[in-house]
Amino acid sequence: MFSIELDEGVRLFALEPHHAQEFHAHIDRGREFIGRHVGFPDRATDTASARRLLEDFARRAAADTGRMYGIRADGVLVGGVLFPSFDARNGTCEIGCWVEPAAAGRGLVTRACRVLIDWAFHERGMRRVEWHADSANEKSLAVAARLGMTREGVLRENYLHRGQVQDTEIWSVLAREWPART
């Protein structure tokens, strides 16, 4: 199974349908915190719906159009990163993240995103990686900045989440801007 050590006791791994119970328990621990800006906690309300969500991403991985990865700290799933869209033919993808409150502020998402962006550019030959975030999600926007992304603009009132209209900031980094592997 794919697994990379991000730090002592912290691993990045492919989230797959057989992780549905663990994923559901994780989402339950952080449902309101995660769901403030991310939609899938509203889709993963029990183990069966969590499995369906992970099956959707397994199909996307098989079709090379998306992927989802978990972050475990000391053996506990505490967050993750994903490619909600991955267009290898056009060389563009979007990366995103989530984390439960107990793991926030530890730099886990930034480290995991660096691994995935590095893979997208150096292994898959992508030209562009995008970051889409609610303009009110300051922590997510800070991750994009730490990753060296450029803020390209704001899609005003483009997304309805939990009955509230949100603005979405678009950030990106290009392959030529990303550091070479050492």
Foldseek 3Di string as FASTA:
>chain_A
DDWDDLDVQKIKFFDALVCLQLVLVLCVQAVVVQQVWDPCSVQNNDSVSSSVVRVVQVVCVVVQFKTWMFMGGNRHTFKTKMFNGGDLVQQETEIDITGGPVPPPPCPVLSRVLVVVLCSCVVSPHFKYKYKTFPVPVSSVVSLVVQVWAWDDKAAQPDQGPNDGTIIIMTMDGSVRHDDDD
